[in-house]
Amino acid sequence: NENRQQYYLHQFASYQPDLNYHNPKVLEEIKNVMRYWLDIGVDGFRVDAVPFLVEDKELVSEDQIQGCTDVNSYNCFRHDKTKNLKETYNILRELGTVFEENKYKDQPRKLFLEAYTTLNDTIKYYSKHATPFNFNLLLLTRDVNATEVEKLLKDWTDVLPKENRTIWVTGNHDNPRIGTKMGEDMIDAVSMLSFMAPGNTVTYYGEEIGMVDTYMGRNYKSDPRNPERTPMQWNSNTSAGFSNITKTWLPVNPNYWDINQEKEAADKKSHLTIYKSLVELQNDIIEDSNYTTHILAPYVFALKRANHLLVINLDDRDQEVNLTKIHDLQATLKVRISSLNAAVTEGDEIKIADKLWMRPRSGVILYNSAVMNTISILLIIGLSFLHSLI
């Protein structure tokens, strides 16, 4: 640092010096920052780049990777003294104790952790007040097949302790949007996958309306992640309703007149209405974390959970799907949610003995209507009984 004439460590931008969490005064100051925002009314915090939180206390040098000769390259060193140190887990648990203070323990509060690291190291970040994001679905690609989708799910859920809940992520500020990297025709199907998988879903702004990456002109290419960071598209007004000025810090996607929240909210069926239906579905089945996966064809993936069945055609061609391969299905199912490009629509009845025709890259969620009707009847009877007691 030129002003202080001292060296300091920064693992990201030069204006982001790493803090010394070994110093109790630093830790207490971060707790005070948390208290400030909790007093304002927030319920939790997203903690960025947590594997880099703590460094070796003795500042021991890291070993150079054999065969890598550039001593000025970060990638030429084995970062076992500045990343994923066991003290990091202790620091996060200590930060979580703020939520247990009398002033804040009235309701659930969480630290949500961003940790791009190995699966085993990520799982260790679970604690009473902290939950790491699951980034497996960020690995989806345009040509992904059914077996690969199954693996992305099971790699995580098979090692996750039952008392912990998964937080699924399909997009964020560091990765291309689903509609860009997989194609706009896969937007609804991927949303269905994240909501049907056991756990909770994180929504990166704009996913609910199907936003895609914005082309960056020559004046905006300083950060390759800018395309997925452009303003939220609220309506068809100036700057998509995000601002009343014509030039925002990043350009508004020129498709804002067609893809925006106001327009999709008014449409009978849109990415937004499908997303809202998925939120309702997740609320209905959130307590049941048991699920099974089924490979119905090389590019046809199915997931069964509670009394619902998700089927996705990942192929670029039509598929006739044989649902009899899945055991314990009722003879007739109903469509609860379908993608915009699906051949079936909500309320359609699907006979399992007949093959389900699926258009390319479409998704559908079927359900056992008999079970849903029984639940509704029991709910009505229960409410009637309670009313008679009042």
Foldseek 3Di string as FASTA:
>chain_A
DVVVPDDFDDPDDPVDTQDAVVDVVVLVVVLVVVVVVVVVPDQEEEDEALQQNHFAPVPDDFAFAPPDDPPPDPVRTDRPGRGLDPVSLVSVVVSQCSCVPPVRVPDQGAYEYEHPDDLVSQLSNDDPHYHYAQALLCPDAQQDWQVSVVCSQCVNVVPHPPVDFYEYENDDLQGFHCCAGRNLLQLLVSLLVNLPAAGHYDDHAPSLQSDGFADADPVPPPDVSNRVVQDAQAEQDAQNPRDPDNDDPGHRHPCSNPGHNVVCVPDPDGSNVLNVLSVVVSVVQNVWNDKDKDRQDGHWIWMDTDFKIKIWRSAQAKDFTQQVVDPPHDQKWFWCGWGPQFPDHGGDIDGNRGTGIGGHGIMTMIGDVVVVVVVVVVVVVVVVVVVVVD
